[in-house]
Amino acid sequence: MTILRRVMLFAVISVFTLGLGLLALLDGIGMLAASGDYAGNDRTALLGLGTLTTAGALVPIALWVLAGWALFVRRQRWEW
C-alpha cells in the first residue's frame, strides 16, 4: 500500500473516529460543567452521564491512535 493510500485511509478513519470521539468528549465535559447548576437527583444524573460520556469518548480516540499506529508504524497490510 502506497503512502498516499495510507494517508487517504487514515483521513477517512479520522473523520469518523476522531470526530465522534471529540464530539462525545466535549458533550461529556459540558454535562459535567452544567451539573454545578443543579442539585439533588438532577445533579447526580448529570454527573453520572457526563462521566460515562467522557469515558466512552476515549474509545473512538483510542481506535484512531491504533489505526494510525497500524498504518504508519507497523505498516499493516489490509488486502482489499
Protein backbone atom coordinates (compact mmCIF):
# COMPACT_ATOMS: atom_id res chain seq x y z
CA MET A 1 0.00 0.00 0.00
CA THR A 2 1.49 3.34 -1.00
CA ILE A 3 1.89 6.21 1.42
CA LEU A 4 -0.79 8.20 -0.40
CA ARG A 5 -3.35 5.42 0.08
CA ARG A 6 -2.34 5.15 3.73
CA VAL A 7 -2.83 8.87 4.26
CA MET A 8 -6.21 8.82 2.49
CA LEU A 9 -7.39 5.82 4.51
CA PHE A 10 -6.23 7.47 7.72
CA ALA A 11 -8.08 10.67 6.74
CA VAL A 12 -11.34 8.73 6.27
CA ILE A 13 -10.82 6.91 9.57
CA SER A 14 -10.02 10.22 11.27
CA VAL A 15 -13.23 11.90 10.18
CA PHE A 16 -15.37 9.29 11.88
CA THR A 17 -13.38 8.13 14.89
CA LEU A 18 -11.75 11.38 15.92
CA GLY A 19 -14.85 13.41 15.09
CA LEU A 20 -17.13 11.20 17.14
CA GLY A 21 -14.63 10.95 19.97
CA LEU A 22 -14.14 14.69 20.26
CA LEU A 23 -17.86 15.35 19.97
CA ALA A 24 -18.61 12.92 22.79
CA LEU A 25 -15.73 14.26 24.88
CA LEU A 26 -16.93 17.85 24.59
CA ASP A 27 -20.52 16.78 25.31
CA GLY A 28 -19.41 14.89 28.43
CA ILE A 29 -17.36 17.83 29.67
CA GLY A 30 -20.34 20.10 29.03
CA MET A 31 -22.57 17.86 31.12
CA LEU A 32 -20.03 17.82 33.94
CA ALA A 33 -19.76 21.60 33.85
CA ALA A 34 -23.56 22.03 33.80
CA SER A 35 -24.03 19.80 36.83
CA GLY A 36 -23.00 22.67 39.11
CA ASP A 37 -26.24 24.48 38.30
CA TYR A 38 -28.40 21.63 39.58
CA ALA A 39 -28.99 19.90 42.90
CA GLY A 40 -30.22 16.52 44.10
CA ASN A 41 -31.07 13.76 41.66
CA ASP A 42 -30.68 16.02 38.63
CA ARG A 43 -27.09 16.75 39.59
CA THR A 44 -26.39 13.08 40.23
CA ALA A 45 -27.80 12.14 36.82
CA LEU A 46 -25.72 14.80 35.05
CA LEU A 47 -22.56 13.75 36.89
CA GLY A 48 -23.15 10.09 36.02
CA LEU A 49 -23.99 10.73 32.38
CA GLY A 50 -21.16 13.21 31.99
CA THR A 51 -18.65 10.76 33.44
CA LEU A 52 -19.86 7.88 31.28
CA THR A 53 -19.93 10.02 28.14
CA THR A 54 -16.43 11.35 28.79
CA ALA A 55 -15.09 7.84 29.44
CA GLY A 56 -16.90 6.49 26.36
CA ALA A 57 -15.30 9.21 24.24
CA LEU A 58 -11.91 7.63 24.85
CA VAL A 59 -12.86 4.52 22.86
CA PRO A 60 -13.03 6.14 19.39
CA ILE A 61 -9.95 8.23 20.19
CA ALA A 62 -8.06 5.06 21.15
CA LEU A 63 -9.20 3.39 17.91
CA TRP A 64 -7.88 6.40 15.99
CA VAL A 65 -4.48 6.04 17.68
CA LEU A 66 -4.40 2.29 16.94
CA ALA A 67 -5.33 2.85 13.29
CA GLY A 68 -2.53 5.38 12.92
CA TRP A 69 -0.06 3.02 14.54
CA ALA A 70 -1.14 0.12 12.31
CA LEU A 71 -0.97 2.18 9.12
CA PHE A 72 2.21 4.18 9.67
CA VAL A 73 4.36 2.49 12.31
CA ARG A 74 3.69 -1.19 11.81
CA ARG A 75 2.73 -0.73 8.14
CA GLN A 76 -0.05 -3.29 8.42
CA ARG A 77 -1.29 -4.56 5.07
CA TRP A 78 -5.01 -4.89 4.60
CA GLU A 79 -5.93 -6.74 1.46
CA TRP A 80 -9.00 -5.46 -0.37
